[in-house]
């Protein structure tokens, strides 16, 4: 740009520079272009301080421009042509920059749209996998969400058996839940006792026998599928559910889009499924859920009723999950007057 400006100024005023060197008048005698010459002289005077520094770099281009057009042919068309070249260069550069910015914005928008489309496709596949896993869970004649209800019933029985031993073993509420859920998950096996090795072995052995006797009694009615562990049914289920929430959290979607996907996934979970997730989180098997932000941010257990769990009066949902805003916390309260008030 600097070269173009200097070439234009040198072309219009080459005679003035020559005459200045000889001590003559600095105004070229081109009568038809007197106004232009006067204006050019003023411009030259204003940039006289800058010209020496740029002359060395612009000299080759300026001399070639002057040599290309003889002095006697410097009429108004030549000046207009040079001025048009100058204006075209300035506005052409501006248009090029604007075009580049628009192209970049269009590319960036297209890239984000493509990413969202792929992210939604992966999420939809995870939802489909969740339904397939859930429908494949079967205990006796119960399938899907009904089978989850059977697993919760097993936990209630095992927890009562655990509570009977806890009075002697000294297990607190969190430990009782951890032990009962672990036995529900793995069944009365030696492997379960190894997993729960931090607890006293004699007490675990007593609990193991109690559950094993119950399993034998139930074997004829349910083909041995109750009280024998559900690792093969629940491992894949929780792994896919955790992966789905982790995928949402690690994606490049904005906050509103993440919350929207989290709500869609939670809508897929029945109360029984969310209740089973609560027990999984409170045991050592669900530490990954508590270590992150998934529970408090996406609240996958939001819809569990306040008094859903009746296995222990000490267990209160709000105390266990103070960071979760449950559905029943914002539910309407009907007073005797008939007015509906909200918490």
C-alpha atoms as a PDB file:
ATOM      1  CA  UNK A   1       0.000   0.000   0.000  1.00  0.00           C
ATOM      2  CA  UNK A   2       2.852   2.366   0.878  1.00  0.00           C
ATOM      3  CA  UNK A   3       4.538   1.646  -2.477  1.00  0.00           C
ATOM      4  CA  UNK A   4       1.319   2.470  -4.384  1.00  0.00           C
ATOM      5  CA  UNK A   5       0.869   5.796  -2.570  1.00  0.00           C
ATOM      6  CA  UNK A   6       4.463   6.834  -3.030  1.00  0.00           C
ATOM      7  CA  UNK A   7       4.419   5.793  -6.689  1.00  0.00           C
ATOM      8  CA  UNK A   8       1.332   7.956  -7.239  1.00  0.00           C
ATOM      9  CA  UNK A   9       2.931  10.945  -5.487  1.00  0.00           C
ATOM     10  CA  UNK A  10       6.246  10.500  -7.254  1.00  0.00           C
ATOM     11  CA  UNK A  11       4.492  10.199 -10.615  1.00  0.00           C
ATOM     12  CA  UNK A  12       2.556  13.425 -10.134  1.00  0.00           C
ATOM     13  CA  UNK A  13       5.447  15.393  -8.671  1.00  0.00           C
ATOM     14  CA  UNK A  14       8.641  14.034 -10.243  1.00  0.00           C
ATOM     15  CA  UNK A  15       9.181  17.415 -11.880  1.00  0.00           C
ATOM     16  CA  UNK A  16       8.834  19.210  -8.550  1.00  0.00           C
ATOM     17  CA  UNK A  17      11.556  17.034  -7.014  1.00  0.00           C
ATOM     18  CA  UNK A  18      13.847  17.742  -9.978  1.00  0.00           C
ATOM     19  CA  UNK A  19      13.238  21.472  -9.816  1.00  0.00           C
ATOM     20  CA  UNK A  20      13.684  21.471  -6.077  1.00  0.00           C
ATOM     21  CA  UNK A  21      17.105  19.958  -6.567  1.00  0.00           C
ATOM     22  CA  UNK A  22      18.001  22.776  -9.037  1.00  0.00           C
ATOM     23  CA  UNK A  23      16.579  25.502  -6.806  1.00  0.00           C
ATOM     24  CA  UNK A  24      13.650  26.223  -9.107  1.00  0.00           C
ATOM     25  CA  UNK A  25       9.915  26.314  -8.500  1.00  0.00           C
ATOM     26  CA  UNK A  26       8.410  23.182  -6.903  1.00  0.00           C
ATOM     27  CA  UNK A  27       5.104  23.488  -8.782  1.00  0.00           C
ATOM     28  CA  UNK A  28       5.042  21.703 -12.176  1.00  0.00           C
ATOM     29  CA  UNK A  29       3.711  23.740 -15.054  1.00  0.00           C
ATOM     30  CA  UNK A  30       0.774  21.582 -16.096  1.00  0.00           C
ATOM     31  CA  UNK A  31      -1.908  24.133 -16.660  1.00  0.00           C
ATOM     32  CA  UNK A  32      -4.981  21.827 -17.046  1.00  0.00           C
ATOM     33  CA  UNK A  33      -4.176  20.163 -13.725  1.00  0.00           C
ATOM     34  CA  UNK A  34      -3.314  23.239 -11.666  1.00  0.00           C
ATOM     35  CA  UNK A  35      -5.698  22.367  -8.807  1.00  0.00           C
ATOM     36  CA  UNK A  36      -4.468  18.814  -8.662  1.00  0.00           C
ATOM     37  CA  UNK A  37      -0.860  20.009  -8.683  1.00  0.00           C
ATOM     38  CA  UNK A  38      -1.478  22.448  -5.870  1.00  0.00           C
ATOM     39  CA  UNK A  39      -3.188  19.740  -3.803  1.00  0.00           C
ATOM     40  CA  UNK A  40      -0.344  17.370  -4.571  1.00  0.00           C
ATOM     41  CA  UNK A  41       2.207  19.933  -3.462  1.00  0.00           C
ATOM     42  CA  UNK A  42       0.410  20.311  -0.142  1.00  0.00           C
ATOM     43  CA  UNK A  43       0.386  16.543   0.327  1.00  0.00           C
ATOM     44  CA  UNK A  44       4.093  16.391  -0.455  1.00  0.00           C
ATOM     45  CA  UNK A  45       4.798  19.127   2.079  1.00  0.00           C
ATOM     46  CA  UNK A  46       2.805  17.232   4.723  1.00  0.00           C
ATOM     47  CA  UNK A  47       4.690  13.995   4.184  1.00  0.00           C
ATOM     48  CA  UNK A  48       8.087  15.557   3.627  1.00  0.00           C
ATOM     49  CA  UNK A  49       9.235  14.224   6.985  1.00  0.00           C
ATOM     50  CA  UNK A  50       8.121  10.676   6.141  1.00  0.00           C
ATOM     51  CA  UNK A  51       9.259  10.592   2.533  1.00  0.00           C
ATOM     52  CA  UNK A  52      13.002  10.209   3.165  1.00  0.00           C
ATOM     53  CA  UNK A  53      12.446   7.057   5.187  1.00  0.00           C
ATOM     54  CA  UNK A  54      10.149   5.428   2.614  1.00  0.00           C
ATOM     55  CA  UNK A  55      11.920   6.702  -0.510  1.00  0.00           C
ATOM     56  CA  UNK A  56      14.663   4.116  -0.413  1.00  0.00           C
ATOM     57  CA  UNK A  57      12.184   1.218  -0.254  1.00  0.00           C
ATOM     58  CA  UNK A  58       9.770   2.705  -2.790  1.00  0.00           C
ATOM     59  CA  UNK A  59      12.301   4.110  -5.237  1.00  0.00           C
ATOM     60  CA  UNK A  60      12.374   1.143  -7.677  1.00  0.00           C
ATOM     61  CA  UNK A  61       8.579   1.018  -7.987  1.00  0.00           C
ATOM     62  CA  UNK A  62       8.307   4.787  -8.280  1.00  0.00           C
ATOM     63  CA  UNK A  63      10.974   5.049 -10.984  1.00  0.00           C
ATOM     64  CA  UNK A  64       9.421   2.247 -12.990  1.00  0.00           C
ATOM     65  CA  UNK A  65       5.994   3.942 -12.761  1.00  0.00           C
ATOM     66  CA  UNK A  66       7.469   7.288 -13.891  1.00  0.00           C
ATOM     67  CA  UNK A  67       9.450   5.717 -16.688  1.00  0.00           C
ATOM     68  CA  UNK A  68       6.350   3.920 -17.987  1.00  0.00           C
ATOM     69  CA  UNK A  69       4.429   7.172 -18.573  1.00  0.00           C
ATOM     70  CA  UNK A  70       6.199  10.140 -20.245  1.00  0.00           C
ATOM     71  CA  UNK A  71       5.818  13.495 -18.555  1.00  0.00           C
ATOM     72  CA  UNK A  72       4.034  15.060 -21.504  1.00  0.00           C
ATOM     73  CA  UNK A  73       1.295  12.429 -21.310  1.00  0.00           C
ATOM     74  CA  UNK A  74       0.402  13.117 -17.675  1.00  0.00           C
ATOM     75  CA  UNK A  75      -3.059  14.389 -18.493  1.00  0.00           C
ATOM     76  CA  UNK A  76      -6.233  14.131 -16.438  1.00  0.00           C
ATOM     77  CA  UNK A  77      -6.935  10.580 -17.587  1.00  0.00           C
ATOM     78  CA  UNK A  78      -3.577   9.401 -16.307  1.00  0.00           C
ATOM     79  CA  UNK A  79      -4.123  11.049 -12.956  1.00  0.00           C
ATOM     80  CA  UNK A  80      -7.650   9.625 -12.766  1.00  0.00           C
ATOM     81  CA  UNK A  81      -6.332   6.206 -13.664  1.00  0.00           C
ATOM     82  CA  UNK A  82      -3.715   6.308 -10.937  1.00  0.00           C
ATOM     83  CA  UNK A  83      -6.286   7.572  -8.466  1.00  0.00           C
ATOM     84  CA  UNK A  84      -8.620   4.761  -9.527  1.00  0.00           C
ATOM     85  CA  UNK A  85      -5.830   2.224  -9.019  1.00  0.00           C
ATOM     86  CA  UNK A  86      -5.206   3.619  -5.575  1.00  0.00           C
ATOM     87  CA  UNK A  87      -8.882   3.548  -4.591  1.00  0.00           C
ATOM     88  CA  UNK A  88      -9.277   0.079  -6.087  1.00  0.00           C
ATOM     89  CA  UNK A  89      -6.315  -1.176  -4.098  1.00  0.00           C
ATOM     90  CA  UNK A  90      -7.641   0.218  -0.827  1.00  0.00           C
ATOM     91  CA  UNK A  91     -11.229  -0.905  -1.242  1.00  0.00           C
ATOM     92  CA  UNK A  92     -10.164  -4.151  -2.894  1.00  0.00           C
ATOM     93  CA  UNK A  93      -8.087  -4.979   0.161  1.00  0.00           C
ATOM     94  CA  UNK A  94     -10.987  -4.056   2.447  1.00  0.00           C
ATOM     95  CA  UNK A  95     -13.410  -6.233   0.473  1.00  0.00           C
ATOM     96  CA  UNK A  96     -10.896  -9.104   0.559  1.00  0.00           C
ATOM     97  CA  UNK A  97     -10.587  -8.844   4.339  1.00  0.00           C
ATOM     98  CA  UNK A  98     -14.377  -8.746   4.801  1.00  0.00           C
ATOM     99  CA  UNK A  99     -14.762 -11.716   2.444  1.00  0.00           C
ATOM    100  CA  UNK A 100     -12.149 -13.663   4.376  1.00  0.00           C
ATOM    101  CA  UNK A 101     -13.922 -12.939   7.671  1.00  0.00           C
ATOM    102  CA  UNK A 102     -17.305 -13.991   6.252  1.00  0.00           C
ATOM    103  CA  UNK A 103     -15.823 -17.197   4.826  1.00  0.00           C
ATOM    104  CA  UNK A 104     -14.185 -17.990   8.170  1.00  0.00           C
ATOM    105  CA  UNK A 105     -17.436 -17.403  10.079  1.00  0.00           C
ATOM    106  CA  UNK A 106     -19.354 -19.585   7.617  1.00  0.00           C
ATOM    107  CA  UNK A 107     -16.748 -22.340   7.961  1.00  0.00           C
ATOM    108  CA  UNK A 108     -16.773 -22.102  11.759  1.00  0.00           C
ATOM    109  CA  UNK A 109     -20.589 -22.244  11.857  1.00  0.00           C
ATOM    110  CA  UNK A 110     -20.592 -25.238   9.542  1.00  0.00           C
ATOM    111  CA  UNK A 111     -17.993 -26.969  11.693  1.00  0.00           C
ATOM    112  CA  UNK A 112     -20.022 -26.407  14.874  1.00  0.00           C
ATOM    113  CA  UNK A 113     -23.211 -27.615  13.180  1.00  0.00           C
ATOM    114  CA  UNK A 114     -21.441 -30.736  11.960  1.00  0.00           C
ATOM    115  CA  UNK A 115     -20.065 -31.405  15.453  1.00  0.00           C
ATOM    116  CA  UNK A 116     -23.498 -31.031  17.047  1.00  0.00           C
ATOM    117  CA  UNK A 117     -25.018 -33.360  14.478  1.00  0.00           C
ATOM    118  CA  UNK A 118     -22.415 -36.046  15.203  1.00  0.00           C
ATOM    119  CA  UNK A 119     -22.759 -35.556  18.979  1.00  0.00           C
ATOM    120  CA  UNK A 120     -26.537 -35.973  18.773  1.00  0.00           C
ATOM    121  CA  UNK A 121     -26.104 -39.126  16.687  1.00  0.00           C
ATOM    122  CA  UNK A 122     -23.801 -40.652  19.309  1.00  0.00           C
ATOM    123  CA  UNK A 123     -26.201 -39.664  22.088  1.00  0.00           C
ATOM    124  CA  UNK A 124     -29.153 -41.183  20.210  1.00  0.00           C
ATOM    125  CA  UNK A 125     -27.185 -44.415  19.846  1.00  0.00           C
ATOM    126  CA  UNK A 126     -26.528 -44.466  23.594  1.00  0.00           C
ATOM    127  CA  UNK A 127     -30.231 -44.000  24.280  1.00  0.00           C
ATOM    128  CA  UNK A 128     -31.038 -46.887  21.963  1.00  0.00           C
ATOM    129  CA  UNK A 129     -28.416 -49.044  23.695  1.00  0.00           C
ATOM    130  CA  UNK A 130     -29.911 -48.150  27.080  1.00  0.00           C
ATOM    131  CA  UNK A 131     -33.348 -49.364  26.014  1.00  0.00           C
ATOM    132  CA  UNK A 132     -31.895 -52.566  24.582  1.00  0.00           C
ATOM    133  CA  UNK A 133     -29.981 -53.323  27.780  1.00  0.00           C
ATOM    134  CA  UNK A 134     -33.018 -52.589  29.939  1.00  0.00           C
ATOM    135  CA  UNK A 135     -35.325 -54.779  27.862  1.00  0.00           C
ATOM    136  CA  UNK A 136     -32.815 -57.655  28.062  1.00  0.00           C
ATOM    137  CA  UNK A 137     -32.905 -57.730  31.900  1.00  0.00           C
ATOM    138  CA  UNK A 138     -35.137 -60.589  32.963  1.00  0.00           C
ATOM    139  CA  UNK A 139     -35.779 -62.250  36.319  1.00  0.00           C
ATOM    140  CA  UNK A 140     -38.279 -65.077  36.084  1.00  0.00           C
ATOM    141  CA  UNK A 141     -41.270 -63.706  34.205  1.00  0.00           C
ATOM    142  CA  UNK A 142     -40.361 -60.087  34.956  1.00  0.00           C
ATOM    143  CA  UNK A 143     -38.600 -58.106  32.237  1.00  0.00           C
ATOM    144  CA  UNK A 144     -37.177 -54.644  31.905  1.00  0.00           C
ATOM    145  CA  UNK A 145     -38.354 -52.165  34.512  1.00  0.00           C
ATOM    146  CA  UNK A 146     -40.357 -54.854  36.330  1.00  0.00           C
ATOM    147  CA  UNK A 147     -37.119 -56.788  36.788  1.00  0.00           C
ATOM    148  CA  UNK A 148     -35.558 -53.688  38.338  1.00  0.00           C
ATOM    149  CA  UNK A 149     -38.386 -53.792  40.885  1.00  0.00           C
ATOM    150  CA  UNK A 150     -37.412 -57.376  41.792  1.00  0.00           C
ATOM    151  CA  UNK A 151     -33.802 -56.297  42.316  1.00  0.00           C
ATOM    152  CA  UNK A 152     -34.940 -53.560  44.695  1.00  0.00           C
ATOM    153  CA  UNK A 153     -36.995 -56.105  46.623  1.00  0.00           C
ATOM    154  CA  UNK A 154     -33.905 -58.276  46.997  1.00  0.00           C
ATOM    155  CA  UNK A 155     -31.969 -55.318  48.344  1.00  0.00           C
ATOM    156  CA  UNK A 156     -34.665 -54.676  50.965  1.00  0.00           C
ATOM    157  CA  UNK A 157     -34.456 -58.273  52.224  1.00  0.00           C
ATOM    158  CA  UNK A 158     -30.648 -58.279  52.251  1.00  0.00           C
ATOM    159  CA  UNK A 159     -30.591 -54.935  54.038  1.00  0.00           C
ATOM    160  CA  UNK A 160     -32.862 -56.275  56.795  1.00  0.00           C
ATOM    161  CA  UNK A 161     -30.525 -59.228  57.197  1.00  0.00           C
ATOM    162  CA  UNK A 162     -27.566 -56.833  57.276  1.00  0.00           C
ATOM    163  CA  UNK A 163     -29.252 -54.669  59.920  1.00  0.00           C
ATOM    164  CA  UNK A 164     -29.771 -57.704  62.153  1.00  0.00           C
ATOM    165  CA  UNK A 165     -26.028 -58.351  62.114  1.00  0.00           C
ATOM    166  CA  UNK A 166     -25.045 -54.664  62.198  1.00  0.00           C
ATOM    167  CA  UNK A 167     -26.096 -54.370  65.850  1.00  0.00           C
ATOM    168  CA  UNK A 168     -23.211 -56.678  66.739  1.00  0.00           C
ATOM    169  CA  UNK A 169     -20.807 -55.660  63.954  1.00  0.00           C
ATOM    170  CA  UNK A 170     -21.268 -51.922  64.565  1.00  0.00           C
ATOM    171  CA  UNK A 171     -21.985 -50.982  60.955  1.00  0.00           C
ATOM    172  CA  UNK A 172     -23.399 -47.504  60.362  1.00  0.00           C
ATOM    173  CA  UNK A 173     -25.983 -46.530  57.735  1.00  0.00           C
ATOM    174  CA  UNK A 174     -23.497 -46.008  54.887  1.00  0.00           C
ATOM    175  CA  UNK A 175     -21.744 -49.302  55.635  1.00  0.00           C
ATOM    176  CA  UNK A 176     -25.032 -51.208  55.806  1.00  0.00           C
ATOM    177  CA  UNK A 177     -26.093 -49.840  52.419  1.00  0.00           C
ATOM    178  CA  UNK A 178     -22.702 -50.653  50.938  1.00  0.00           C
ATOM    179  CA  UNK A 179     -22.769 -54.243  52.199  1.00  0.00           C
ATOM    180  CA  UNK A 180     -26.404 -54.911  51.259  1.00  0.00           C
ATOM    181  CA  UNK A 181     -26.045 -53.477  47.769  1.00  0.00           C
ATOM    182  CA  UNK A 182     -22.774 -55.290  47.134  1.00  0.00           C
ATOM    183  CA  UNK A 183     -24.431 -58.607  48.022  1.00  0.00           C
ATOM    184  CA  UNK A 184     -27.369 -57.684  45.816  1.00  0.00           C
ATOM    185  CA  UNK A 185     -24.954 -56.982  42.975  1.00  0.00           C
ATOM    186  CA  UNK A 186     -22.612 -59.991  43.328  1.00  0.00           C
ATOM    187  CA  UNK A 187     -24.718 -62.488  45.291  1.00  0.00           C
ATOM    188  CA  UNK A 188     -23.693 -64.668  48.263  1.00  0.00           C
ATOM    189  CA  UNK A 189     -20.256 -65.704  46.958  1.00  0.00           C
ATOM    190  CA  UNK A 190     -16.703 -65.841  48.232  1.00  0.00           C
ATOM    191  CA  UNK A 191     -15.867 -63.143  45.714  1.00  0.00           C
ATOM    192  CA  UNK A 192     -18.290 -60.793  47.473  1.00  0.00           C
ATOM    193  CA  UNK A 193     -16.553 -61.367  50.792  1.00  0.00           C
ATOM    194  CA  UNK A 194     -13.224 -60.517  49.153  1.00  0.00           C
ATOM    195  CA  UNK A 195     -14.673 -57.316  47.712  1.00  0.00           C
ATOM    196  CA  UNK A 196     -15.933 -56.397  51.218  1.00  0.00           C
ATOM    197  CA  UNK A 197     -12.668 -57.376  52.893  1.00  0.00           C
ATOM    198  CA  UNK A 198     -12.602 -54.115  54.912  1.00  0.00           C
ATOM    199  CA  UNK A 199     -15.448 -55.506  57.033  1.00  0.00           C
ATOM    200  CA  UNK A 200     -15.164 -58.231  59.678  1.00  0.00           C
ATOM    201  CA  UNK A 201     -15.094 -61.620  57.971  1.00  0.00           C
ATOM    202  CA  UNK A 202     -17.140 -63.575  60.605  1.00  0.00           C
ATOM    203  CA  UNK A 203     -20.063 -61.165  60.283  1.00  0.00           C
ATOM    204  CA  UNK A 204     -19.885 -61.277  56.473  1.00  0.00           C
ATOM    205  CA  UNK A 205     -19.830 -65.060  56.588  1.00  0.00           C
ATOM    206  CA  UNK A 206     -22.997 -65.067  58.707  1.00  0.00           C
ATOM    207  CA  UNK A 207     -24.722 -62.677  56.289  1.00  0.00           C
ATOM    208  CA  UNK A 208     -23.507 -64.736  53.340  1.00  0.00           C
ATOM    209  CA  UNK A 209     -25.169 -67.869  54.749  1.00  0.00           C
ATOM    210  CA  UNK A 210     -28.459 -66.043  55.425  1.00  0.00           C
ATOM    211  CA  UNK A 211     -28.661 -64.855  51.826  1.00  0.00           C
ATOM    212  CA  UNK A 212     -27.641 -68.247  50.436  1.00  0.00           C
ATOM    213  CA  UNK A 213     -30.474 -69.974  52.356  1.00  0.00           C
ATOM    214  CA  UNK A 214     -32.949 -67.438  50.954  1.00  0.00           C
ATOM    215  CA  UNK A 215     -31.586 -68.039  47.452  1.00  0.00           C
ATOM    216  CA  UNK A 216     -32.175 -71.791  47.746  1.00  0.00           C
ATOM    217  CA  UNK A 217     -35.747 -71.226  48.857  1.00  0.00           C
ATOM    218  CA  UNK A 218     -36.426 -68.971  45.886  1.00  0.00           C
ATOM    219  CA  UNK A 219     -34.669 -71.143  43.328  1.00  0.00           C
ATOM    220  CA  UNK A 220     -37.700 -73.271  42.419  1.00  0.00           C
ATOM    221  CA  UNK A 221     -39.956 -70.298  41.731  1.00  0.00           C
ATOM    222  CA  UNK A 222     -37.528 -68.153  39.758  1.00  0.00           C
ATOM    223  CA  UNK A 223     -35.172 -70.760  38.277  1.00  0.00           C
ATOM    224  CA  UNK A 224     -32.397 -69.691  40.652  1.00  0.00           C
ATOM    225  CA  UNK A 225     -32.324 -66.109  39.380  1.00  0.00           C
ATOM    226  CA  UNK A 226     -33.052 -64.328  42.648  1.00  0.00           C
ATOM    227  CA  UNK A 227     -30.551 -63.658  45.422  1.00  0.00           C
ATOM    228  CA  UNK A 228     -27.742 -64.992  43.251  1.00  0.00           C
ATOM    229  CA  UNK A 229     -26.331 -61.677  42.081  1.00  0.00           C
ATOM    230  CA  UNK A 230     -27.083 -59.432  39.119  1.00  0.00           C
ATOM    231  CA  UNK A 231     -23.644 -58.403  37.972  1.00  0.00           C
ATOM    232  CA  UNK A 232     -24.228 -59.746  34.467  1.00  0.00           C
ATOM    233  CA  UNK A 233     -27.436 -57.691  34.207  1.00  0.00           C
ATOM    234  CA  UNK A 234     -26.456 -54.437  35.894  1.00  0.00           C
ATOM    235  CA  UNK A 235     -22.803 -53.989  34.907  1.00  0.00           C
ATOM    236  CA  UNK A 236     -23.557 -53.164  31.281  1.00  0.00           C
ATOM    237  CA  UNK A 237     -26.577 -51.098  32.281  1.00  0.00           C
ATOM    238  CA  UNK A 238     -24.684 -48.758  34.625  1.00  0.00           C
ATOM    239  CA  UNK A 239     -21.635 -48.649  32.368  1.00  0.00           C
ATOM    240  CA  UNK A 240     -23.686 -47.353  29.444  1.00  0.00           C
ATOM    241  CA  UNK A 241     -25.642 -44.931  31.653  1.00  0.00           C
ATOM    242  CA  UNK A 242     -22.456 -43.474  33.140  1.00  0.00           C
ATOM    243  CA  UNK A 243     -20.856 -43.258  29.690  1.00  0.00           C
ATOM    244  CA  UNK A 244     -23.886 -41.369  28.358  1.00  0.00           C
ATOM    245  CA  UNK A 245     -23.730 -38.720  31.087  1.00  0.00           C
ATOM    246  CA  UNK A 246     -19.934 -38.504  30.794  1.00  0.00           C
ATOM    247  CA  UNK A 247     -20.255 -38.025  27.043  1.00  0.00           C
ATOM    248  CA  UNK A 248     -22.636 -35.107  27.564  1.00  0.00           C
ATOM    249  CA  UNK A 249     -20.338 -33.530  30.137  1.00  0.00           C
ATOM    250  CA  UNK A 250     -17.157 -33.883  28.022  1.00  0.00           C
ATOM    251  CA  UNK A 251     -18.775 -32.658  24.793  1.00  0.00           C
ATOM    252  CA  UNK A 252     -18.223 -29.149  23.394  1.00  0.00           C
ATOM    253  CA  UNK A 253     -21.924 -28.328  23.576  1.00  0.00           C
ATOM    254  CA  UNK A 254     -22.971 -25.247  25.506  1.00  0.00           C
ATOM    255  CA  UNK A 255     -24.480 -25.391  28.987  1.00  0.00           C
ATOM    256  CA  UNK A 256     -28.117 -25.233  27.858  1.00  0.00           C
ATOM    257  CA  UNK A 257     -27.632 -28.011  25.311  1.00  0.00           C
ATOM    258  CA  UNK A 258     -25.938 -30.224  27.909  1.00  0.00           C
ATOM    259  CA  UNK A 259     -28.766 -29.711  30.391  1.00  0.00           C
ATOM    260  CA  UNK A 260     -31.331 -30.467  27.666  1.00  0.00           C
ATOM    261  CA  UNK A 261     -29.645 -33.772  26.785  1.00  0.00           C
ATOM    262  CA  UNK A 262     -29.359 -34.633  30.482  1.00  0.00           C
ATOM    263  CA  UNK A 263     -33.104 -34.128  30.897  1.00  0.00           C
ATOM    264  CA  UNK A 264     -33.823 -36.358  27.900  1.00  0.00           C
ATOM    265  CA  UNK A 265     -31.693 -39.120  29.388  1.00  0.00           C
ATOM    266  CA  UNK A 266     -33.294 -38.739  32.821  1.00  0.00           C
ATOM    267  CA  UNK A 267     -36.741 -38.951  31.235  1.00  0.00           C
ATOM    268  CA  UNK A 268     -35.783 -42.447  30.082  1.00  0.00           C
ATOM    269  CA  UNK A 269     -35.258 -43.577  33.687  1.00  0.00           C
ATOM    270  CA  UNK A 270     -38.230 -44.817  35.668  1.00  0.00           C
ATOM    271  CA  UNK A 271     -38.509 -44.270  39.421  1.00  0.00           C
ATOM    272  CA  UNK A 272     -37.262 -47.809  40.003  1.00  0.00           C
ATOM    273  CA  UNK A 273     -34.229 -47.221  37.814  1.00  0.00           C
ATOM    274  CA  UNK A 274     -33.415 -43.951  39.542  1.00  0.00           C
ATOM    275  CA  UNK A 275     -33.844 -45.606  42.942  1.00  0.00           C
ATOM    276  CA  UNK A 276     -31.455 -48.387  41.953  1.00  0.00           C
ATOM    277  CA  UNK A 277     -29.015 -45.715  40.774  1.00  0.00           C
ATOM    278  CA  UNK A 278     -29.275 -44.080  44.210  1.00  0.00           C
ATOM    279  CA  UNK A 279     -28.187 -47.326  45.880  1.00  0.00           C
ATOM    280  CA  UNK A 280     -25.392 -47.786  43.368  1.00  0.00           C
ATOM    281  CA  UNK A 281     -24.082 -44.281  44.062  1.00  0.00           C
ATOM    282  CA  UNK A 282     -24.206 -44.728  47.847  1.00  0.00           C
ATOM    283  CA  UNK A 283     -22.173 -47.937  47.636  1.00  0.00           C
ATOM    284  CA  UNK A 284     -18.467 -48.152  46.841  1.00  0.00           C
ATOM    285  CA  UNK A 285     -19.376 -49.452  43.388  1.00  0.00           C
ATOM    286  CA  UNK A 286     -20.681 -46.024  42.356  1.00  0.00           C
ATOM    287  CA  UNK A 287     -17.808 -43.827  43.503  1.00  0.00           C
ATOM    288  CA  UNK A 288     -17.291 -42.551  39.954  1.00  0.00           C
ATOM    289  CA  UNK A 289     -20.697 -40.859  40.083  1.00  0.00           C
ATOM    290  CA  UNK A 290     -19.939 -38.957  43.291  1.00  0.00           C
ATOM    291  CA  UNK A 291     -16.375 -38.026  42.373  1.00  0.00           C
ATOM    292  CA  UNK A 292     -17.570 -35.999  39.373  1.00  0.00           C
ATOM    293  CA  UNK A 293     -20.268 -33.391  38.810  1.00  0.00           C
ATOM    294  CA  UNK A 294     -22.768 -35.697  37.140  1.00  0.00           C
ATOM    295  CA  UNK A 295     -25.121 -36.173  40.095  1.00  0.00           C
ATOM    296  CA  UNK A 296     -25.383 -32.538  41.199  1.00  0.00           C
ATOM    297  CA  UNK A 297     -25.359 -30.972  37.722  1.00  0.00           C
ATOM    298  CA  UNK A 298     -27.519 -33.375  35.694  1.00  0.00           C
ATOM    299  CA  UNK A 299     -29.460 -34.764  38.697  1.00  0.00           C
ATOM    300  CA  UNK A 300     -30.321 -38.198  37.217  1.00  0.00           C
ATOM    301  CA  UNK A 301     -32.116 -39.121  40.483  1.00  0.00           C
ATOM    302  CA  UNK A 302     -34.276 -35.986  40.611  1.00  0.00           C
ATOM    303  CA  UNK A 303     -37.590 -37.861  40.249  1.00  0.00           C
ATOM    304  CA  UNK A 304     -37.186 -40.323  43.142  1.00  0.00           C
ATOM    305  CA  UNK A 305     -40.097 -39.693  45.564  1.00  0.00           C
ATOM    306  CA  UNK A 306     -39.220 -38.346  49.003  1.00  0.00           C
ATOM    307  CA  UNK A 307     -40.401 -41.438  50.913  1.00  0.00           C
ATOM    308  CA  UNK A 308     -39.635 -44.042  48.267  1.00  0.00           C
ATOM    309  CA  UNK A 309     -37.093 -45.915  50.405  1.00  0.00           C
ATOM    310  CA  UNK A 310     -38.522 -47.614  53.483  1.00  0.00           C
ATOM    311  CA  UNK A 311     -35.673 -49.957  54.346  1.00  0.00           C
ATOM    312  CA  UNK A 312     -34.343 -47.602  57.058  1.00  0.00           C
ATOM    313  CA  UNK A 313     -35.857 -44.597  58.819  1.00  0.00           C
ATOM    314  CA  UNK A 314     -32.391 -43.000  58.995  1.00  0.00           C
ATOM    315  CA  UNK A 315     -32.172 -42.799  55.217  1.00  0.00           C
ATOM    316  CA  UNK A 316     -33.329 -39.413  53.941  1.00  0.00           C
ATOM    317  CA  UNK A 317     -32.869 -38.460  50.305  1.00  0.00           C
ATOM    318  CA  UNK A 318     -32.077 -34.788  50.933  1.00  0.00           C
ATOM    319  CA  UNK A 319     -29.427 -35.603  53.527  1.00  0.00           C
ATOM    320  CA  UNK A 320     -27.822 -38.130  51.240  1.00  0.00           C
ATOM    321  CA  UNK A 321     -27.832 -35.785  48.215  1.00  0.00           C
ATOM    322  CA  UNK A 322     -27.927 -32.162  49.429  1.00  0.00           C
ATOM    323  CA  UNK A 323     -26.767 -30.854  46.028  1.00  0.00           C
ATOM    324  CA  UNK A 324     -29.747 -32.321  44.151  1.00  0.00           C
ATOM    325  CA  UNK A 325     -32.994 -30.389  43.770  1.00  0.00           C
ATOM    326  CA  UNK A 326     -35.615 -33.128  43.846  1.00  0.00           C
ATOM    327  CA  UNK A 327     -38.910 -32.941  42.040  1.00  0.00           C
ATOM    328  CA  UNK A 328     -40.888 -33.157  45.257  1.00  0.00           C
ATOM    329  CA  UNK A 329     -39.130 -30.070  46.639  1.00  0.00           C
ATOM    330  CA  UNK A 330     -40.939 -27.871  44.110  1.00  0.00           C
ATOM    331  CA  UNK A 331     -44.214 -29.858  44.112  1.00  0.00           C
ATOM    332  CA  UNK A 332     -47.433 -28.002  45.011  1.00  0.00           C
ATOM    333  CA  UNK A 333     -48.684 -28.254  48.597  1.00  0.00           C
ATOM    334  CA  UNK A 334     -52.472 -28.307  49.028  1.00  0.00           C
ATOM    335  CA  UNK A 335     -53.570 -26.800  52.325  1.00  0.00           C
ATOM    336  CA  UNK A 336     -56.936 -27.143  54.016  1.00  0.00           C
ATOM    337  CA  UNK A 337     -58.012 -23.808  52.550  1.00  0.00           C
ATOM    338  CA  UNK A 338     -57.691 -25.266  49.084  1.00  0.00           C
ATOM    339  CA  UNK A 339     -54.930 -22.868  48.034  1.00  0.00           C
ATOM    340  CA  UNK A 340     -51.987 -24.309  46.198  1.00  0.00           C
ATOM    341  CA  UNK A 341     -48.718 -23.013  47.604  1.00  0.00           C
ATOM    342  CA  UNK A 342     -45.233 -23.768  46.317  1.00  0.00           C
ATOM    343  CA  UNK A 343     -42.091 -24.377  48.312  1.00  0.00           C
END
